[in-house]
């Protein structure tokens, strides 16, 4: 996959993430690109996924690994969906969500965009 952008810094960060297979910051997530309301991250949690709900709609594109994705509006009724490389998972703004029982090599691109509260809240 080639990314073309006018920002040399963003291009280099994306290339570094792809080549190293890890977020350039060494943290489980690194923001690599921002344009308007859109942000692109490389996400690579280890052990457990502790992310909070988000204020924008987002899509995860699984690069490596597999596991289960839990999503819903309440902790007691989360839907659990198996995922693997190449899967794209849409998560609306405000949804409770996390990756569970994922393999040690799990990584994903994360694309967030749109108004705070998600596009559904802004017809």
PDB file of N, CA and C in Angstrom:
ATOM      1  N   UNK A   1       0.848  -1.168   0.000  1.00  0.00           N
ATOM      2  CA  UNK A   1       0.000   0.000   0.000  1.00  0.00           C
ATOM      3  C   UNK A   1       0.893   1.229   0.000  1.00  0.00           C
ATOM      4  N   UNK A   2       0.636   2.170  -0.880  1.00  0.00           N
ATOM      5  CA  UNK A   2       1.365   3.428  -0.905  1.00  0.00           C
ATOM      6  C   UNK A   2       0.472   4.547  -0.422  1.00  0.00           C
ATOM      7  N   UNK A   3       1.007   5.393   0.424  1.00  0.00           N
ATOM      8  CA  UNK A   3       0.299   6.582   0.879  1.00  0.00           C
ATOM      9  C   UNK A   3       0.941   7.762   0.187  1.00  0.00           C
ATOM     10  N   UNK A   4       0.144   8.620  -0.387  1.00  0.00           N
ATOM     11  CA  UNK A   4       0.665   9.814  -1.023  1.00  0.00           C
ATOM     12  C   UNK A   4       0.086  10.997  -0.275  1.00  0.00           C
ATOM     13  N   UNK A   5       0.958  11.846   0.212  1.00  0.00           N
ATOM     14  CA  UNK A   5       0.528  13.006   0.979  1.00  0.00           C
ATOM     15  C   UNK A   5       1.493  14.146   0.708  1.00  0.00           C
ATOM     16  N   UNK A   6       1.045  15.355   0.934  1.00  0.00           N
ATOM     17  CA  UNK A   6       1.927  16.498   0.740  1.00  0.00           C
ATOM     18  C   UNK A   6       2.815  16.732   1.955  1.00  0.00           C
ATOM     19  N   UNK A   7       2.588  16.020   3.029  1.00  0.00           N
ATOM     20  CA  UNK A   7       3.383  16.182   4.241  1.00  0.00           C
ATOM     21  C   UNK A   7       4.494  15.137   4.289  1.00  0.00           C
ATOM     22  N   UNK A   8       5.735  15.574   4.145  1.00  0.00           N
ATOM     23  CA  UNK A   8       6.872  14.658   4.225  1.00  0.00           C
ATOM     24  C   UNK A   8       6.914  13.986   5.586  1.00  0.00           C
ATOM     25  N   UNK A   9       6.592  14.736   6.643  1.00  0.00           N
ATOM     26  CA  UNK A   9       6.605  14.174   7.994  1.00  0.00           C
ATOM     27  C   UNK A   9       5.607  13.023   8.110  1.00  0.00           C
ATOM     28  N   UNK A  10       4.381  13.201   7.622  1.00  0.00           N
ATOM     29  CA  UNK A  10       3.372  12.134   7.691  1.00  0.00           C
ATOM     30  C   UNK A  10       3.805  10.946   6.843  1.00  0.00           C
ATOM     31  N   UNK A  11       4.323  11.198   5.648  1.00  0.00           N
ATOM     32  CA  UNK A  11       4.775  10.114   4.774  1.00  0.00           C
ATOM     33  C   UNK A  11       5.869   9.297   5.461  1.00  0.00           C
ATOM     34  N   UNK A  12       6.819   9.968   6.076  1.00  0.00           N
ATOM     35  CA  UNK A  12       7.911   9.269   6.752  1.00  0.00           C
ATOM     36  C   UNK A  12       7.409   8.470   7.942  1.00  0.00           C
ATOM     37  N   UNK A  13       6.457   9.003   8.719  1.00  0.00           N
ATOM     38  CA  UNK A  13       5.920   8.292   9.884  1.00  0.00           C
ATOM     39  C   UNK A  13       5.176   7.038   9.452  1.00  0.00           C
ATOM     40  N   UNK A  14       4.414   7.136   8.373  1.00  0.00           N
ATOM     41  CA  UNK A  14       3.679   5.977   7.868  1.00  0.00           C
ATOM     42  C   UNK A  14       4.658   4.922   7.362  1.00  0.00           C
ATOM     43  N   UNK A  15       5.658   5.342   6.603  1.00  0.00           N
ATOM     44  CA  UNK A  15       6.662   4.399   6.099  1.00  0.00           C
ATOM     45  C   UNK A  15       7.389   3.727   7.256  1.00  0.00           C
ATOM     46  N   UNK A  16       7.712   4.491   8.288  1.00  0.00           N
ATOM     47  CA  UNK A  16       8.397   3.923   9.456  1.00  0.00           C
ATOM     48  C   UNK A  16       7.523   2.880  10.142  1.00  0.00           C
ATOM     49  N   UNK A  17       6.228   3.175  10.290  1.00  0.00           N
ATOM     50  CA  UNK A  17       5.312   2.216  10.931  1.00  0.00           C
ATOM     51  C   UNK A  17       5.206   0.944  10.105  1.00  0.00           C
ATOM     52  N   UNK A  18       5.082   1.081   8.792  1.00  0.00           N
ATOM     53  CA  UNK A  18       4.973  -0.093   7.933  1.00  0.00           C
ATOM     54  C   UNK A  18       6.248  -0.930   7.961  1.00  0.00           C
ATOM     55  N   UNK A  19       7.395  -0.278   7.913  1.00  0.00           N
ATOM     56  CA  UNK A  19       8.665  -1.001   7.892  1.00  0.00           C
ATOM     57  C   UNK A  19       8.991  -1.649   9.230  1.00  0.00           C
ATOM     58  N   UNK A  20       8.685  -0.954  10.316  1.00  0.00           N
ATOM     59  CA  UNK A  20       9.023  -1.470  11.641  1.00  0.00           C
ATOM     60  C   UNK A  20       7.945  -2.395  12.179  1.00  0.00           C
ATOM     61  N   UNK A  21       6.714  -2.262  11.656  1.00  0.00           N
ATOM     62  CA  UNK A  21       5.611  -3.055  12.174  1.00  0.00           C
ATOM     63  C   UNK A  21       5.186  -2.594  13.551  1.00  0.00           C
ATOM     64  N   UNK A  22       5.492  -1.353  13.880  1.00  0.00           N
ATOM     65  CA  UNK A  22       5.131  -0.830  15.194  1.00  0.00           C
ATOM     66  C   UNK A  22       4.881   0.664  15.107  1.00  0.00           C
ATOM     67  N   UNK A  23       4.170   1.196  16.075  1.00  0.00           N
ATOM     68  CA  UNK A  23       3.940   2.634  16.134  1.00  0.00           C
ATOM     69  C   UNK A  23       5.279   3.330  16.382  1.00  0.00           C
ATOM     70  N   UNK A  24       5.588   4.398  15.632  1.00  0.00           N
ATOM     71  CA  UNK A  24       6.882   5.060  15.778  1.00  0.00           C
ATOM     72  C   UNK A  24       7.156   5.557  17.193  1.00  0.00           C
ATOM     73  N   UNK A  25       6.126   5.877  17.940  1.00  0.00           N
ATOM     74  CA  UNK A  25       6.307   6.415  19.285  1.00  0.00           C
ATOM     75  C   UNK A  25       6.694   5.348  20.298  1.00  0.00           C
ATOM     76  N   UNK A  26       6.534   4.072  19.946  1.00  0.00           N
ATOM     77  CA  UNK A  26       6.758   2.999  20.899  1.00  0.00           C
ATOM     78  C   UNK A  26       5.547   2.751  21.783  1.00  0.00           C
ATOM     79  N   UNK A  27       4.545   3.612  21.706  1.00  0.00           N
ATOM     80  CA  UNK A  27       3.296   3.449  22.446  1.00  0.00           C
ATOM     81  C   UNK A  27       2.361   2.556  21.645  1.00  0.00           C
ATOM     82  N   UNK A  28       1.230   2.118  22.236  1.00  0.00           N
ATOM     83  CA  UNK A  28       0.326   1.246  21.480  1.00  0.00           C
ATOM     84  C   UNK A  28      -0.368   1.950  20.317  1.00  0.00           C
ATOM     85  N   UNK A  29      -0.346   3.279  20.295  1.00  0.00           N
ATOM     86  CA  UNK A  29      -0.994   4.007  19.207  1.00  0.00           C
ATOM     87  C   UNK A  29      -0.149   5.222  18.838  1.00  0.00           C
ATOM     88  N   UNK A  30      -0.112   5.524  17.542  1.00  0.00           N
ATOM     89  CA  UNK A  30       0.603   6.705  17.072  1.00  0.00           C
ATOM     90  C   UNK A  30      -0.216   7.371  15.981  1.00  0.00           C
ATOM     91  N   UNK A  31      -0.429   8.678  16.118  1.00  0.00           N
ATOM     92  CA  UNK A  31      -1.106   9.423  15.058  1.00  0.00           C
ATOM     93  C   UNK A  31      -0.090   9.693  13.964  1.00  0.00           C
ATOM     94  N   UNK A  32      -0.453   9.316  12.731  1.00  0.00           N
ATOM     95  CA  UNK A  32       0.472   9.426  11.613  1.00  0.00           C
ATOM     96  C   UNK A  32       0.086  10.485  10.603  1.00  0.00           C
ATOM     97  N   UNK A  33      -1.188  10.854  10.577  1.00  0.00           N
ATOM     98  CA  UNK A  33      -1.645  11.792   9.564  1.00  0.00           C
ATOM     99  C   UNK A  33      -2.877  12.510  10.070  1.00  0.00           C
ATOM    100  N   UNK A  34      -2.987  13.802   9.745  1.00  0.00           N
ATOM    101  CA  UNK A  34      -4.190  14.569  10.067  1.00  0.00           C
ATOM    102  C   UNK A  34      -4.495  15.482   8.894  1.00  0.00           C
ATOM    103  N   UNK A  35      -5.759  15.503   8.492  1.00  0.00           N
ATOM    104  CA  UNK A  35      -6.205  16.365   7.406  1.00  0.00           C
ATOM    105  C   UNK A  35      -7.656  16.736   7.682  1.00  0.00           C
ATOM    106  N   UNK A  36      -7.925  18.006   7.957  1.00  0.00           N
ATOM    107  CA  UNK A  36      -9.284  18.407   8.324  1.00  0.00           C
ATOM    108  C   UNK A  36      -9.709  17.664   9.575  1.00  0.00           C
ATOM    109  N   UNK A  37     -10.874  17.006   9.516  1.00  0.00           N
ATOM    110  CA  UNK A  37     -11.347  16.241  10.677  1.00  0.00           C
ATOM    111  C   UNK A  37     -10.797  14.817  10.700  1.00  0.00           C
ATOM    112  N   UNK A  38     -10.137  14.393   9.618  1.00  0.00           N
ATOM    113  CA  UNK A  38      -9.650  13.011   9.530  1.00  0.00           C
ATOM    114  C   UNK A  38      -8.287  12.855  10.207  1.00  0.00           C
ATOM    115  N   UNK A  39      -8.167  11.768  10.959  1.00  0.00           N
ATOM    116  CA  UNK A  39      -6.894  11.410  11.577  1.00  0.00           C
ATOM    117  C   UNK A  39      -6.629   9.933  11.291  1.00  0.00           C
ATOM    118  N   UNK A  40      -5.371   9.594  11.005  1.00  0.00           N
ATOM    119  CA  UNK A  40      -4.978   8.207  10.763  1.00  0.00           C
ATOM    120  C   UNK A  40      -3.966   7.811  11.835  1.00  0.00           C
ATOM    121  N   UNK A  41      -4.225   6.663  12.452  1.00  0.00           N
ATOM    122  CA  UNK A  41      -3.363   6.140  13.512  1.00  0.00           C
ATOM    123  C   UNK A  41      -2.911   4.728  13.154  1.00  0.00           C
ATOM    124  N   UNK A  42      -1.789   4.322  13.732  1.00  0.00           N
ATOM    125  CA  UNK A  42      -1.362   2.926  13.710  1.00  0.00           C
ATOM    126  C   UNK A  42      -1.534   2.430  15.134  1.00  0.00           C
ATOM    127  N   UNK A  43      -2.304   1.344  15.327  1.00  0.00           N
ATOM    128  CA  UNK A  43      -2.667   0.853  16.657  1.00  0.00           C
ATOM    129  C   UNK A  43      -2.129  -0.550  16.858  1.00  0.00           C
ATOM    130  N   UNK A  44      -1.414  -0.741  17.955  1.00  0.00           N
ATOM    131  CA  UNK A  44      -0.765  -2.015  18.222  1.00  0.00           C
ATOM    132  C   UNK A  44      -0.758  -2.286  19.738  1.00  0.00           C
ATOM    133  N   UNK A  45      -1.936  -2.581  20.315  1.00  0.00           N
ATOM    134  CA  UNK A  45      -1.977  -2.835  21.763  1.00  0.00           C
ATOM    135  C   UNK A  45      -1.304  -4.160  22.101  1.00  0.00           C
ATOM    136  N   UNK A  46      -0.833  -4.269  23.302  1.00  0.00           N
ATOM    137  CA  UNK A  46      -0.236  -5.517  23.776  1.00  0.00           C
ATOM    138  C   UNK A  46      -0.918  -5.916  25.081  1.00  0.00           C
ATOM    139  N   UNK A  47      -1.304  -7.175  25.191  1.00  0.00           N
ATOM    140  CA  UNK A  47      -1.951  -7.665  26.412  1.00  0.00           C
ATOM    141  C   UNK A  47      -3.438  -7.395  26.426  1.00  0.00           C
ATOM    142  N   UNK A  48      -3.815  -6.169  26.765  1.00  0.00           N
ATOM    143  CA  UNK A  48      -5.234  -5.792  26.789  1.00  0.00           C
ATOM    144  C   UNK A  48      -5.432  -4.483  26.037  1.00  0.00           C
ATOM    145  N   UNK A  49      -6.635  -4.282  25.557  1.00  0.00           N
ATOM    146  CA  UNK A  49      -7.018  -3.063  24.845  1.00  0.00           C
ATOM    147  C   UNK A  49      -7.763  -2.179  25.838  1.00  0.00           C
ATOM    148  N   UNK A  50      -7.162  -1.069  26.214  1.00  0.00           N
ATOM    149  CA  UNK A  50      -7.737  -0.203  27.244  1.00  0.00           C
ATOM    150  C   UNK A  50      -8.269   1.111  26.683  1.00  0.00           C
ATOM    151  N   UNK A  51      -8.600   1.138  25.411  1.00  0.00           N
ATOM    152  CA  UNK A  51      -9.019   2.405  24.831  1.00  0.00           C
ATOM    153  C   UNK A  51     -10.400   2.833  25.322  1.00  0.00           C
ATOM    154  N   UNK A  52     -10.613   4.148  25.431  1.00  0.00           N
ATOM    155  CA  UNK A  52     -11.920   4.678  25.829  1.00  0.00           C
ATOM    156  C   UNK A  52     -12.839   4.796  24.618  1.00  0.00           C
ATOM    157  N   UNK A  53     -14.072   5.229  24.849  1.00  0.00           N
ATOM    158  CA  UNK A  53     -14.946   5.555  23.721  1.00  0.00           C
ATOM    159  C   UNK A  53     -14.360   6.783  23.027  1.00  0.00           C
ATOM    160  N   UNK A  54     -14.740   6.976  21.775  1.00  0.00           N
ATOM    161  CA  UNK A  54     -14.211   8.101  21.010  1.00  0.00           C
ATOM    162  C   UNK A  54     -15.332   9.033  20.580  1.00  0.00           C
ATOM    163  N   UNK A  55     -14.977  10.299  20.336  1.00  0.00           N
ATOM    164  CA  UNK A  55     -15.966  11.318  19.996  1.00  0.00           C
ATOM    165  C   UNK A  55     -16.232  11.423  18.500  1.00  0.00           C
ATOM    166  N   UNK A  56     -15.462  10.679  17.691  1.00  0.00           N
ATOM    167  CA  UNK A  56     -15.656  10.680  16.241  1.00  0.00           C
ATOM    168  C   UNK A  56     -15.942   9.259  15.767  1.00  0.00           C
ATOM    169  N   UNK A  57     -16.582   9.150  14.590  1.00  0.00           N
ATOM    170  CA  UNK A  57     -16.731   7.846  13.948  1.00  0.00           C
ATOM    171  C   UNK A  57     -15.335   7.341  13.595  1.00  0.00           C
ATOM    172  N   UNK A  58     -15.186   6.014  13.528  1.00  0.00           N
ATOM    173  CA  UNK A  58     -13.874   5.469  13.193  1.00  0.00           C
ATOM    174  C   UNK A  58     -14.000   4.129  12.482  1.00  0.00           C
ATOM    175  N   UNK A  59     -12.969   3.809  11.730  1.00  0.00           N
ATOM    176  CA  UNK A  59     -12.847   2.509  11.076  1.00  0.00           C
ATOM    177  C   UNK A  59     -11.489   1.938  11.457  1.00  0.00           C
ATOM    178  N   UNK A  60     -11.499   0.673  11.852  1.00  0.00           N
ATOM    179  CA  UNK A  60     -10.269  -0.077  12.083  1.00  0.00           C
ATOM    180  C   UNK A  60     -10.067  -0.975  10.874  1.00  0.00           C
ATOM    181  N   UNK A  61      -8.855  -0.995  10.326  1.00  0.00           N
ATOM    182  CA  UNK A  61      -8.500  -1.930   9.265  1.00  0.00           C
ATOM    183  C   UNK A  61      -7.399  -2.821   9.839  1.00  0.00           C
ATOM    184  N   UNK A  62      -7.722  -4.084  10.040  1.00  0.00           N
ATOM    185  CA  UNK A  62      -6.793  -5.015  10.679  1.00  0.00           C
ATOM    186  C   UNK A  62      -5.658  -5.342   9.709  1.00  0.00           C
ATOM    187  N   UNK A  63      -4.430  -5.123  10.161  1.00  0.00           N
ATOM    188  CA  UNK A  63      -3.248  -5.399   9.354  1.00  0.00           C
ATOM    189  C   UNK A  63      -2.751  -6.816   9.636  1.00  0.00           C
ATOM    190  N   UNK A  64      -2.521  -7.109  10.906  1.00  0.00           N
ATOM    191  CA  UNK A  64      -2.025  -8.427  11.306  1.00  0.00           C
ATOM    192  C   UNK A  64      -2.761  -8.905  12.547  1.00  0.00           C
ATOM    193  N   UNK A  65      -2.776 -10.206  12.743  1.00  0.00           N
ATOM    194  CA  UNK A  65      -3.360 -10.787  13.944  1.00  0.00           C
ATOM    195  C   UNK A  65      -4.839 -11.073  13.809  1.00  0.00           C
ATOM    196  N   UNK A  66      -5.384 -11.647  14.876  1.00  0.00           N
ATOM    197  CA  UNK A  66      -6.805 -11.990  14.911  1.00  0.00           C
ATOM    198  C   UNK A  66      -7.272 -11.954  16.355  1.00  0.00           C
ATOM    199  N   UNK A  67      -8.586 -12.027  16.537  1.00  0.00           N
ATOM    200  CA  UNK A  67      -9.165 -11.999  17.873  1.00  0.00           C
ATOM    201  C   UNK A  67     -10.649 -11.745  17.798  1.00  0.00           C
ATOM    202  N   UNK A  68     -11.167 -11.073  18.810  1.00  0.00           N
ATOM    203  CA  UNK A  68     -12.586 -10.751  18.901  1.00  0.00           C
ATOM    204  C   UNK A  68     -12.730  -9.257  19.140  1.00  0.00           C
ATOM    205  N   UNK A  69     -13.681  -8.627  18.437  1.00  0.00           N
ATOM    206  CA  UNK A  69     -13.980  -7.214  18.632  1.00  0.00           C
ATOM    207  C   UNK A  69     -15.304  -7.119  19.361  1.00  0.00           C
ATOM    208  N   UNK A  70     -15.325  -6.417  20.499  1.00  0.00           N
ATOM    209  CA  UNK A  70     -16.544  -6.228  21.290  1.00  0.00           C
ATOM    210  C   UNK A  70     -17.043  -4.806  21.079  1.00  0.00           C
ATOM    211  N   UNK A  71     -18.361  -4.660  20.803  1.00  0.00           N
ATOM    212  CA  UNK A  71     -18.932  -3.346  20.549  1.00  0.00           C
ATOM    213  C   UNK A  71     -20.384  -3.311  21.003  1.00  0.00           C
ATOM    214  N   UNK A  72     -20.806  -2.152  21.504  1.00  0.00           N
ATOM    215  CA  UNK A  72     -22.190  -1.980  21.916  1.00  0.00           C
ATOM    216  C   UNK A  72     -22.391  -0.658  22.630  1.00  0.00           C
ATOM    217  N   UNK A  73     -23.605  -0.461  23.123  1.00  0.00           N
ATOM    218  CA  UNK A  73     -23.917   0.784  23.820  1.00  0.00           C
ATOM    219  C   UNK A  73     -23.822   0.640  25.333  1.00  0.00           C
ATOM    220  N   UNK A  74     -23.807  -0.615  25.832  1.00  0.00           N
ATOM    221  CA  UNK A  74     -23.699  -0.877  27.266  1.00  0.00           C
ATOM    222  C   UNK A  74     -22.771  -2.068  27.488  1.00  0.00           C
ATOM    223  N   UNK A  75     -22.005  -2.017  28.561  1.00  0.00           N
ATOM    224  CA  UNK A  75     -21.061  -3.100  28.874  1.00  0.00           C
ATOM    225  C   UNK A  75     -21.724  -4.468  28.961  1.00  0.00           C
ATOM    226  N   UNK A  76     -22.979  -4.512  29.424  1.00  0.00           N
ATOM    227  CA  UNK A  76     -23.634  -5.805  29.643  1.00  0.00           C
ATOM    228  C   UNK A  76     -24.253  -6.414  28.389  1.00  0.00           C
ATOM    229  N   UNK A  77     -24.200  -5.712  27.259  1.00  0.00           N
ATOM    230  CA  UNK A  77     -24.776  -6.289  26.032  1.00  0.00           C
ATOM    231  C   UNK A  77     -23.878  -6.090  24.809  1.00  0.00           C
ATOM    232  N   UNK A  78     -22.576  -6.232  24.989  1.00  0.00           N
ATOM    233  CA  UNK A  78     -21.651  -6.056  23.872  1.00  0.00           C
ATOM    234  C   UNK A  78     -21.757  -7.219  22.893  1.00  0.00           C
ATOM    235  N   UNK A  79     -21.792  -6.882  21.617  1.00  0.00           N
ATOM    236  CA  UNK A  79     -21.728  -7.901  20.569  1.00  0.00           C
ATOM    237  C   UNK A  79     -20.256  -8.236  20.352  1.00  0.00           C
ATOM    238  N   UNK A  80     -19.938  -9.498  20.172  1.00  0.00           N
ATOM    239  CA  UNK A  80     -18.558  -9.921  19.960  1.00  0.00           C
ATOM    240  C   UNK A  80     -18.419 -10.531  18.568  1.00  0.00           C
ATOM    241  N   UNK A  81     -17.458  -9.996  17.807  1.00  0.00           N
ATOM    242  CA  UNK A  81     -17.294 -10.350  16.401  1.00  0.00           C
ATOM    243  C   UNK A  81     -15.852 -10.804  16.172  1.00  0.00           C
ATOM    244  N   UNK A  82     -15.638 -11.987  15.575  1.00  0.00           N
ATOM    245  CA  UNK A  82     -14.263 -12.403  15.271  1.00  0.00           C
ATOM    246  C   UNK A  82     -13.679 -11.533  14.153  1.00  0.00           C
ATOM    247  N   UNK A  83     -12.370 -11.277  14.212  1.00  0.00           N
ATOM    248  CA  UNK A  83     -11.715 -10.481  13.171  1.00  0.00           C
ATOM    249  C   UNK A  83     -10.380 -11.100  12.803  1.00  0.00           C
ATOM    250  N   UNK A  84      -9.899 -10.715  11.614  1.00  0.00           N
ATOM    251  CA  UNK A  84      -8.601 -11.164  11.129  1.00  0.00           C
ATOM    252  C   UNK A  84      -8.046 -10.163  10.131  1.00  0.00           C
ATOM    253  N   UNK A  85      -6.857 -10.418   9.584  1.00  0.00           N
ATOM    254  CA  UNK A  85      -6.214  -9.501   8.652  1.00  0.00           C
ATOM    255  C   UNK A  85      -7.120  -9.139   7.477  1.00  0.00           C
ATOM    256  N   UNK A  86      -7.150  -7.852   7.158  1.00  0.00           N
ATOM    257  CA  UNK A  86      -7.950  -7.362   6.046  1.00  0.00           C
ATOM    258  C   UNK A  86      -9.349  -6.944   6.434  1.00  0.00           C
ATOM    259  N   UNK A  87      -9.813  -7.292   7.628  1.00  0.00           N
ATOM    260  CA  UNK A  87     -11.158  -6.898   8.055  1.00  0.00           C
ATOM    261  C   UNK A  87     -11.202  -5.403   8.354  1.00  0.00           C
ATOM    262  N   UNK A  88     -12.318  -4.769   8.004  1.00  0.00           N
ATOM    263  CA  UNK A  88     -12.577  -3.368   8.326  1.00  0.00           C
ATOM    264  C   UNK A  88     -13.758  -3.331   9.284  1.00  0.00           C
ATOM    265  N   UNK A  89     -13.598  -2.620  10.393  1.00  0.00           N
ATOM    266  CA  UNK A  89     -14.612  -2.591  11.440  1.00  0.00           C
ATOM    267  C   UNK A  89     -15.024  -1.146  11.686  1.00  0.00           C
ATOM    268  N   UNK A  90     -16.297  -0.816  11.398  1.00  0.00           N
ATOM    269  CA  UNK A  90     -16.816   0.526  11.659  1.00  0.00           C
ATOM    270  C   UNK A  90     -17.277   0.621  13.103  1.00  0.00           C
ATOM    271  N   UNK A  91     -16.922   1.722  13.753  1.00  0.00           N
ATOM    272  CA  UNK A  91     -17.329   1.977  15.133  1.00  0.00           C
ATOM    273  C   UNK A  91     -17.887   3.389  15.213  1.00  0.00           C
ATOM    274  N   UNK A  92     -19.195   3.541  15.490  1.00  0.00           N
ATOM    275  CA  UNK A  92     -19.754   4.888  15.582  1.00  0.00           C
ATOM    276  C   UNK A  92     -19.248   5.630  16.818  1.00  0.00           C
ATOM    277  N   UNK A  93     -19.229   6.940  16.727  1.00  0.00           N
ATOM    278  CA  UNK A  93     -18.811   7.770  17.852  1.00  0.00           C
ATOM    279  C   UNK A  93     -19.609   7.401  19.097  1.00  0.00           C
ATOM    280  N   UNK A  94     -18.917   7.329  20.227  1.00  0.00           N
ATOM    281  CA  UNK A  94     -19.568   7.066  21.502  1.00  0.00           C
ATOM    282  C   UNK A  94     -19.797   5.610  21.839  1.00  0.00           C
ATOM    283  N   UNK A  95     -19.560   4.699  20.900  1.00  0.00           N
ATOM    284  CA  UNK A  95     -19.795   3.272  21.165  1.00  0.00           C
ATOM    285  C   UNK A  95     -18.713   2.711  22.084  1.00  0.00           C
ATOM    286  N   UNK A  96     -19.118   1.868  23.015  1.00  0.00           N
ATOM    287  CA  UNK A  96     -18.159   1.121  23.823  1.00  0.00           C
ATOM    288  C   UNK A  96     -17.561   0.065  22.903  1.00  0.00           C
ATOM    289  N   UNK A  97     -16.247  -0.033  22.877  1.00  0.00           N
ATOM    290  CA  UNK A  97     -15.613  -1.004  21.985  1.00  0.00           C
ATOM    291  C   UNK A  97     -14.218  -1.346  22.472  1.00  0.00           C
ATOM    292  N   UNK A  98     -13.781  -2.557  22.114  1.00  0.00           N
ATOM    293  CA  UNK A  98     -12.422  -2.983  22.435  1.00  0.00           C
ATOM    294  C   UNK A  98     -12.110  -4.279  21.691  1.00  0.00           C
ATOM    295  N   UNK A  99     -10.825  -4.510  21.535  1.00  0.00           N
ATOM    296  CA  UNK A  99     -10.343  -5.769  20.980  1.00  0.00           C
ATOM    297  C   UNK A  99     -10.079  -6.706  22.155  1.00  0.00           C
ATOM    298  N   UNK A 100     -10.518  -7.966  22.024  1.00  0.00           N
ATOM    299  CA  UNK A 100     -10.354  -8.950  23.089  1.00  0.00           C
ATOM    300  C   UNK A 100      -9.698 -10.207  22.528  1.00  0.00           C
ATOM    301  N   UNK A 101      -9.007 -10.923  23.383  1.00  0.00           N
ATOM    302  CA  UNK A 101      -8.415 -12.215  23.015  1.00  0.00           C
ATOM    303  C   UNK A 101      -7.657 -12.149  21.690  1.00  0.00           C
ATOM    304  N   UNK A 102      -6.896 -11.076  21.501  1.00  0.00           N
ATOM    305  CA  UNK A 102      -6.176 -10.911  20.237  1.00  0.00           C
ATOM    306  C   UNK A 102      -4.777 -11.511  20.333  1.00  0.00           C
ATOM    307  N   UNK A 103      -4.257 -11.888  19.170  1.00  0.00           N
ATOM    308  CA  UNK A 103      -2.935 -12.496  19.092  1.00  0.00           C
ATOM    309  C   UNK A 103      -1.844 -11.449  19.345  1.00  0.00           C
ATOM    310  N   UNK A 104      -0.664 -11.936  19.685  1.00  0.00           N
ATOM    311  CA  UNK A 104       0.450 -11.043  20.020  1.00  0.00           C
ATOM    312  C   UNK A 104       0.891 -10.158  18.858  1.00  0.00           C
ATOM    313  N   UNK A 105       0.572 -10.564  17.636  1.00  0.00           N
ATOM    314  CA  UNK A 105       0.997  -9.786  16.470  1.00  0.00           C
ATOM    315  C   UNK A 105      -0.083  -8.828  15.965  1.00  0.00           C
ATOM    316  N   UNK A 106      -1.137  -8.597  16.751  1.00  0.00           N
ATOM    317  CA  UNK A 106      -2.250  -7.749  16.303  1.00  0.00           C
ATOM    318  C   UNK A 106      -1.806  -6.306  16.061  1.00  0.00           C
ATOM    319  N   UNK A 107      -2.221  -5.762  14.912  1.00  0.00           N
ATOM    320  CA  UNK A 107      -2.039  -4.343  14.604  1.00  0.00           C
ATOM    321  C   UNK A 107      -3.143  -3.914  13.645  1.00  0.00           C
ATOM    322  N   UNK A 108      -3.454  -2.620  13.668  1.00  0.00           N
ATOM    323  CA  UNK A 108      -4.528  -2.099  12.814  1.00  0.00           C
ATOM    324  C   UNK A 108      -4.286  -0.633  12.495  1.00  0.00           C
ATOM    325  N   UNK A 109      -4.772  -0.237  11.325  1.00  0.00           N
ATOM    326  CA  UNK A 109      -4.891   1.178  11.003  1.00  0.00           C
ATOM    327  C   UNK A 109      -6.196   1.651  11.626  1.00  0.00           C
ATOM    328  N   UNK A 110      -6.210   2.875  12.123  1.00  0.00           N
ATOM    329  CA  UNK A 110      -7.424   3.482  12.666  1.00  0.00           C
ATOM    330  C   UNK A 110      -7.632   4.794  11.927  1.00  0.00           C
ATOM    331  N   UNK A 111      -8.816   4.973  11.354  1.00  0.00           N
ATOM    332  CA  UNK A 111      -9.154   6.215  10.674  1.00  0.00           C
ATOM    333  C   UNK A 111     -10.343   6.817  11.397  1.00  0.00           C
ATOM    334  N   UNK A 112     -10.176   8.034  11.921  1.00  0.00           N
ATOM    335  CA  UNK A 112     -11.258   8.756  12.605  1.00  0.00           C
ATOM    336  C   UNK A 112     -11.586   9.988  11.766  1.00  0.00           C
ATOM    337  N   UNK A 113     -12.871  10.340  11.726  1.00  0.00           N
ATOM    338  CA  UNK A 113     -13.265  11.489  10.919  1.00  0.00           C
ATOM    339  C   UNK A 113     -14.606  12.030  11.389  1.00  0.00           C
ATOM    340  N   UNK A 114     -14.924  13.211  10.873  1.00  0.00           N
ATOM    341  CA  UNK A 114     -16.251  13.785  11.055  1.00  0.00           C
ATOM    342  C   UNK A 114     -16.400  14.629  12.302  1.00  0.00           C
ATOM    343  N   UNK A 115     -17.624  15.122  12.494  1.00  0.00           N
ATOM    344  CA  UNK A 115     -17.892  16.002  13.634  1.00  0.00           C
ATOM    345  C   UNK A 115     -17.875  15.234  14.952  1.00  0.00           C
ATOM    346  N   UNK A 116     -17.637  15.966  16.035  1.00  0.00           N
ATOM    347  CA  UNK A 116     -17.731  15.358  17.357  1.00  0.00           C
ATOM    348  C   UNK A 116     -19.153  14.856  17.552  1.00  0.00           C
ATOM    349  N   UNK A 117     -19.294  13.656  18.066  1.00  0.00           N
ATOM    350  CA  UNK A 117     -20.615  13.040  18.194  1.00  0.00           C
ATOM    351  C   UNK A 117     -20.941  12.136  17.022  1.00  0.00           C
ATOM    352  N   UNK A 118     -20.121  12.180  15.970  1.00  0.00           N
ATOM    353  CA  UNK A 118     -20.327  11.321  14.806  1.00  0.00           C
ATOM    354  C   UNK A 118     -21.256  11.931  13.777  1.00  0.00           C
ATOM    355  N   UNK A 119     -21.212  11.379  12.575  1.00  0.00           N
ATOM    356  CA  UNK A 119     -22.035  11.906  11.486  1.00  0.00           C
ATOM    357  C   UNK A 119     -23.515  11.672  11.716  1.00  0.00           C
ATOM    358  N   UNK A 120     -23.865  10.595  12.407  1.00  0.00           N
ATOM    359  CA  UNK A 120     -25.276  10.303  12.668  1.00  0.00           C
ATOM    360  C   UNK A 120     -25.926  11.421  13.484  1.00  0.00           C
ATOM    361  N   UNK A 121     -25.151  12.065  14.361  1.00  0.00           N
ATOM    362  CA  UNK A 121     -25.701  13.131  15.199  1.00  0.00           C
ATOM    363  C   UNK A 121     -25.760  14.469  14.468  1.00  0.00           C
ATOM    364  N   UNK A 122     -25.245  14.520  13.241  1.00  0.00           N
ATOM    365  CA  UNK A 122     -25.239  15.745  12.432  1.00  0.00           C
ATOM    366  C   UNK A 122     -25.784  15.442  11.039  1.00  0.00           C
ATOM    367  N   UNK A 123     -27.111  15.426  10.899  1.00  0.00           N
ATOM    368  CA  UNK A 123     -27.693  15.058   9.584  1.00  0.00           C
ATOM    369  C   UNK A 123     -27.290  15.998   8.466  1.00  0.00           C
TER     370      UNK A 123
END
